[in-house]
C-alpha cells in the first residue's frame, strides 16, 4: 500500500478543559489513518501524525489536504499549521547481506 506520512505542527486555539482532558487520555506518537497527537504540557502546541493513502499521481499537496481532513475530523480548534510530508514510496530499505 502506498502512503504518505504527514507531520502537522500547530497550535490549539482555545481548547476547553474537557477537550484537554480527552487529549491527555489519548494515544501516543504513532502514524495511523485517524492520526494521533503529541503536545506540550499546557496543551497549546501540538504535533499531529497521520498516514494517508497515496495514489499514483498524488503529490505533497494532496497529502496535506488529506492530513488536514484527518485533523479536522477530531473537531478541535487549531491554527498556525506547518506540514512535513514523507512519501513512503521514496523510502528504500537497505538490507544487510
N, C-alpha and C. Protein backbone atom coordinates (compact mmCIF):
# COMPACT_ATOMS: atom_id res chain seq x y z
N UNK A 1 0.84 -1.19 0.00
CA UNK A 1 0.00 0.00 0.00
C UNK A 1 0.88 1.25 0.00
N UNK A 2 0.62 2.17 -0.87
CA UNK A 2 1.38 3.41 -0.97
C UNK A 2 0.76 4.46 -0.07
N UNK A 3 1.60 5.08 0.75
CA UNK A 3 1.10 6.07 1.70
C UNK A 3 2.06 7.24 1.84
N UNK A 4 1.50 8.32 2.34
CA UNK A 4 2.28 9.46 2.82
C UNK A 4 2.21 9.44 4.34
N UNK A 5 3.29 9.76 4.99
CA UNK A 5 3.28 10.01 6.43
C UNK A 5 3.42 11.52 6.60
N UNK A 6 2.49 12.10 7.34
CA UNK A 6 2.44 13.55 7.44
C UNK A 6 2.53 13.96 8.92
N UNK A 7 3.43 14.90 9.18
CA UNK A 7 3.51 15.56 10.49
C UNK A 7 2.92 16.94 10.32
N UNK A 8 1.95 17.26 11.16
CA UNK A 8 1.34 18.58 11.14
C UNK A 8 1.65 19.23 12.49
N UNK A 9 2.35 20.33 12.46
CA UNK A 9 2.64 21.07 13.69
C UNK A 9 1.74 22.30 13.71
N UNK A 10 1.21 22.59 14.89
CA UNK A 10 0.33 23.74 15.01
C UNK A 10 0.07 24.09 16.45
N UNK A 11 -0.93 24.93 16.64
CA UNK A 11 -1.34 25.34 17.99
C UNK A 11 -2.84 25.12 18.12
N UNK A 12 -3.22 24.64 19.29
CA UNK A 12 -4.64 24.57 19.57
C UNK A 12 -5.15 25.98 19.79
N UNK A 13 -6.40 26.22 19.45
CA UNK A 13 -6.96 27.56 19.52
C UNK A 13 -8.17 27.56 20.46
N UNK A 14 -7.91 27.71 21.76
CA UNK A 14 -8.98 27.84 22.73
C UNK A 14 -9.66 26.55 23.14
N UNK A 15 -8.88 25.54 23.50
CA UNK A 15 -9.48 24.29 23.98
C UNK A 15 -10.14 24.51 25.34
N UNK A 16 -11.25 23.82 25.57
CA UNK A 16 -11.84 23.86 26.91
C UNK A 16 -11.24 22.72 27.73
N UNK A 17 -11.55 22.67 29.01
CA UNK A 17 -10.94 21.67 29.90
C UNK A 17 -11.31 20.24 29.51
N UNK A 18 -12.51 20.02 29.03
CA UNK A 18 -12.93 18.68 28.62
C UNK A 18 -12.12 18.21 27.41
N UNK A 19 -11.87 19.10 26.47
CA UNK A 19 -11.06 18.75 25.30
C UNK A 19 -9.62 18.45 25.71
N UNK A 20 -9.08 19.24 26.63
CA UNK A 20 -7.72 18.98 27.12
C UNK A 20 -7.64 17.63 27.81
N UNK A 21 -8.62 17.32 28.64
CA UNK A 21 -8.64 16.04 29.35
C UNK A 21 -8.73 14.88 28.36
N UNK A 22 -9.52 15.03 27.33
CA UNK A 22 -9.65 13.99 26.31
C UNK A 22 -8.32 13.75 25.61
N UNK A 23 -7.63 14.81 25.28
CA UNK A 23 -6.33 14.68 24.62
C UNK A 23 -5.31 14.00 25.53
N UNK A 24 -5.31 14.38 26.79
CA UNK A 24 -4.34 13.79 27.73
C UNK A 24 -4.53 12.29 27.86
N UNK A 25 -5.75 11.81 27.63
CA UNK A 25 -6.02 10.38 27.73
C UNK A 25 -5.87 9.63 26.43
N UNK A 26 -5.46 10.33 25.37
CA UNK A 26 -5.36 9.69 24.06
C UNK A 26 -4.01 9.00 23.87
N UNK A 27 -3.87 8.30 22.73
CA UNK A 27 -2.68 7.52 22.41
C UNK A 27 -1.44 8.36 22.20
N UNK A 28 -0.37 7.67 21.84
CA UNK A 28 0.93 8.32 21.72
C UNK A 28 1.34 8.61 20.29
N UNK A 29 2.65 8.79 20.08
CA UNK A 29 3.16 9.23 18.78
C UNK A 29 3.25 8.09 17.76
N UNK A 30 2.16 7.83 17.08
CA UNK A 30 2.17 6.80 16.04
C UNK A 30 1.47 7.32 14.80
N UNK A 31 1.80 6.75 13.68
CA UNK A 31 1.15 7.12 12.43
C UNK A 31 -0.02 6.18 12.20
N UNK A 32 -1.20 6.74 11.93
CA UNK A 32 -2.39 5.96 11.63
C UNK A 32 -3.30 6.79 10.73
N UNK A 33 -4.31 6.16 10.18
CA UNK A 33 -5.25 6.88 9.32
C UNK A 33 -6.02 7.94 10.11
N UNK A 34 -6.34 7.66 11.38
CA UNK A 34 -7.07 8.62 12.21
C UNK A 34 -6.17 9.73 12.71
N UNK A 35 -4.89 9.43 12.82
CA UNK A 35 -3.93 10.40 13.34
C UNK A 35 -3.84 10.36 14.85
N UNK A 36 -2.73 10.83 15.37
CA UNK A 36 -2.54 10.91 16.82
C UNK A 36 -1.81 12.20 17.15
N UNK A 37 -2.03 12.66 18.37
CA UNK A 37 -1.47 13.92 18.83
C UNK A 37 -0.37 13.70 19.86
N UNK A 38 0.65 14.53 19.82
CA UNK A 38 1.54 14.77 20.94
C UNK A 38 1.48 16.29 21.14
N UNK A 39 1.70 16.73 22.37
CA UNK A 39 1.51 18.15 22.66
C UNK A 39 2.35 18.56 23.86
N UNK A 40 2.49 19.86 24.05
CA UNK A 40 3.26 20.37 25.17
C UNK A 40 2.46 20.22 26.47
N UNK A 41 3.09 20.51 27.59
CA UNK A 41 2.45 20.30 28.89
C UNK A 41 1.22 21.18 29.10
N UNK A 42 1.14 22.30 28.44
CA UNK A 42 -0.02 23.19 28.57
C UNK A 42 -1.13 22.88 27.56
N UNK A 43 -0.90 21.88 26.72
CA UNK A 43 -1.83 21.50 25.64
C UNK A 43 -2.14 22.73 24.77
N UNK A 44 -1.07 23.39 24.33
CA UNK A 44 -1.24 24.52 23.41
C UNK A 44 -0.63 24.21 22.04
N UNK A 45 0.63 23.80 22.01
CA UNK A 45 1.27 23.43 20.75
C UNK A 45 1.15 21.92 20.58
N UNK A 46 1.01 21.48 19.32
CA UNK A 46 0.85 20.05 19.08
C UNK A 46 1.58 19.61 17.82
N UNK A 47 1.80 18.30 17.76
CA UNK A 47 2.21 17.62 16.53
C UNK A 47 1.17 16.54 16.29
N UNK A 48 0.63 16.52 15.08
CA UNK A 48 -0.36 15.54 14.68
C UNK A 48 0.29 14.65 13.63
N UNK A 49 0.28 13.35 13.88
CA UNK A 49 0.88 12.40 12.95
C UNK A 49 -0.24 11.59 12.31
N UNK A 50 -0.21 11.52 10.98
CA UNK A 50 -1.19 10.68 10.30
C UNK A 50 -0.58 10.07 9.06
N UNK A 51 -1.23 9.01 8.62
CA UNK A 51 -0.82 8.30 7.43
C UNK A 51 -1.99 8.35 6.45
N UNK A 52 -1.75 8.83 5.24
CA UNK A 52 -2.82 8.97 4.26
C UNK A 52 -2.45 8.21 2.99
N UNK A 53 -3.45 7.68 2.27
CA UNK A 53 -3.17 6.92 1.06
C UNK A 53 -2.53 7.79 -0.02
N UNK A 54 -1.67 7.16 -0.83
CA UNK A 54 -1.00 7.86 -1.92
C UNK A 54 -1.35 7.17 -3.24
N UNK A 55 -2.11 7.87 -4.07
CA UNK A 55 -2.41 7.36 -5.40
C UNK A 55 -1.21 7.55 -6.31
N UNK A 56 -1.23 6.94 -7.49
CA UNK A 56 -0.07 7.01 -8.38
C UNK A 56 0.33 8.42 -8.78
N UNK A 57 -0.62 9.32 -8.87
CA UNK A 57 -0.32 10.69 -9.30
C UNK A 57 -0.42 11.72 -8.18
N UNK A 58 -0.60 11.26 -6.94
CA UNK A 58 -0.74 12.18 -5.81
C UNK A 58 0.61 12.79 -5.44
N UNK A 59 0.55 14.04 -4.97
CA UNK A 59 1.75 14.74 -4.56
C UNK A 59 1.58 15.25 -3.13
N UNK A 60 2.55 16.05 -2.67
CA UNK A 60 2.51 16.56 -1.30
C UNK A 60 1.29 17.43 -1.03
N UNK A 61 0.83 18.16 -2.03
CA UNK A 61 -0.36 19.00 -1.84
C UNK A 61 -1.56 18.13 -1.46
N UNK A 62 -1.74 17.02 -2.15
CA UNK A 62 -2.84 16.11 -1.86
C UNK A 62 -2.66 15.53 -0.45
N UNK A 63 -1.44 15.17 -0.09
CA UNK A 63 -1.17 14.62 1.24
C UNK A 63 -1.52 15.64 2.33
N UNK A 64 -1.17 16.92 2.12
CA UNK A 64 -1.50 17.96 3.10
C UNK A 64 -3.01 18.12 3.23
N UNK A 65 -3.73 18.08 2.11
CA UNK A 65 -5.19 18.20 2.16
C UNK A 65 -5.82 17.05 2.93
N UNK A 66 -5.36 15.83 2.67
CA UNK A 66 -5.90 14.66 3.37
C UNK A 66 -5.55 14.69 4.85
N UNK A 67 -4.36 15.15 5.18
CA UNK A 67 -3.97 15.25 6.59
C UNK A 67 -4.82 16.30 7.30
N UNK A 68 -5.11 17.40 6.62
CA UNK A 68 -5.97 18.43 7.20
C UNK A 68 -7.37 17.89 7.44
N UNK A 69 -7.88 17.08 6.53
CA UNK A 69 -9.19 16.44 6.73
C UNK A 69 -9.17 15.54 7.96
N UNK A 70 -8.10 14.76 8.12
CA UNK A 70 -7.98 13.88 9.29
C UNK A 70 -7.92 14.70 10.57
N UNK A 71 -7.19 15.81 10.55
CA UNK A 71 -7.10 16.69 11.71
C UNK A 71 -8.46 17.31 12.02
N UNK A 72 -9.14 17.78 11.00
CA UNK A 72 -10.47 18.40 11.16
C UNK A 72 -11.48 17.42 11.75
N UNK A 73 -11.35 16.14 11.43
CA UNK A 73 -12.28 15.11 11.92
C UNK A 73 -12.25 14.98 13.44
N UNK A 74 -11.17 15.43 14.07
CA UNK A 74 -11.09 15.37 15.54
C UNK A 74 -11.93 16.48 16.18
N UNK A 75 -12.33 17.47 15.42
CA UNK A 75 -13.22 18.52 15.92
C UNK A 75 -12.59 19.48 16.91
N UNK A 76 -11.29 19.61 16.89
CA UNK A 76 -10.60 20.50 17.82
C UNK A 76 -10.19 21.78 17.10
N UNK A 77 -10.28 22.92 17.77
CA UNK A 77 -9.87 24.18 17.13
C UNK A 77 -8.34 24.26 17.04
N UNK A 78 -7.83 24.72 15.90
CA UNK A 78 -6.39 24.82 15.70
C UNK A 78 -6.06 26.03 14.83
N UNK A 79 -4.75 26.35 14.80
CA UNK A 79 -4.26 27.44 13.96
C UNK A 79 -2.77 27.24 13.70
N UNK A 80 -2.21 28.04 12.83
CA UNK A 80 -0.77 28.08 12.57
C UNK A 80 -0.19 26.71 12.18
N UNK A 81 -0.74 26.10 11.16
CA UNK A 81 -0.29 24.77 10.76
C UNK A 81 0.95 24.82 9.86
N UNK A 82 1.85 23.86 10.09
CA UNK A 82 3.02 23.64 9.24
C UNK A 82 3.10 22.14 8.97
N UNK A 83 3.43 21.76 7.74
CA UNK A 83 3.39 20.37 7.33
C UNK A 83 4.77 19.85 6.96
N UNK A 84 5.00 18.57 7.26
CA UNK A 84 6.17 17.84 6.81
C UNK A 84 5.66 16.52 6.24
N UNK A 85 5.90 16.29 4.96
CA UNK A 85 5.34 15.12 4.27
C UNK A 85 6.46 14.19 3.83
N UNK A 86 6.30 12.90 4.12
CA UNK A 86 7.22 11.88 3.64
C UNK A 86 6.44 10.93 2.74
N UNK A 87 6.88 10.83 1.51
CA UNK A 87 6.28 9.89 0.56
C UNK A 87 6.97 8.54 0.77
N UNK A 88 6.25 7.59 1.33
CA UNK A 88 6.84 6.31 1.67
C UNK A 88 7.23 5.51 0.42
N UNK A 89 6.73 5.91 -0.74
CA UNK A 89 7.14 5.26 -1.99
C UNK A 89 8.60 5.55 -2.30
N UNK A 90 9.14 6.64 -1.73
CA UNK A 90 10.52 7.02 -1.98
C UNK A 90 11.51 6.41 -1.00
N UNK A 91 11.01 5.74 0.02
CA UNK A 91 11.89 5.16 1.05
C UNK A 91 12.41 3.81 0.56
N UNK A 92 13.70 3.67 0.60
CA UNK A 92 14.34 2.41 0.19
C UNK A 92 14.97 1.78 1.43
N UNK A 93 14.77 0.50 1.58
CA UNK A 93 15.33 -0.22 2.73
C UNK A 93 16.57 -0.96 2.25
N UNK A 94 17.67 -0.67 2.92
CA UNK A 94 18.92 -1.40 2.63
C UNK A 94 19.00 -2.57 3.58
N UNK A 95 19.05 -3.73 3.04
CA UNK A 95 19.11 -4.94 3.86
C UNK A 95 20.57 -5.39 4.01
N UNK A 96 20.89 -5.88 5.22
CA UNK A 96 22.23 -6.41 5.45
C UNK A 96 22.37 -7.74 4.72
N UNK A 97 23.54 -7.97 4.22
CA UNK A 97 23.78 -9.23 3.49
C UNK A 97 24.44 -10.23 4.38
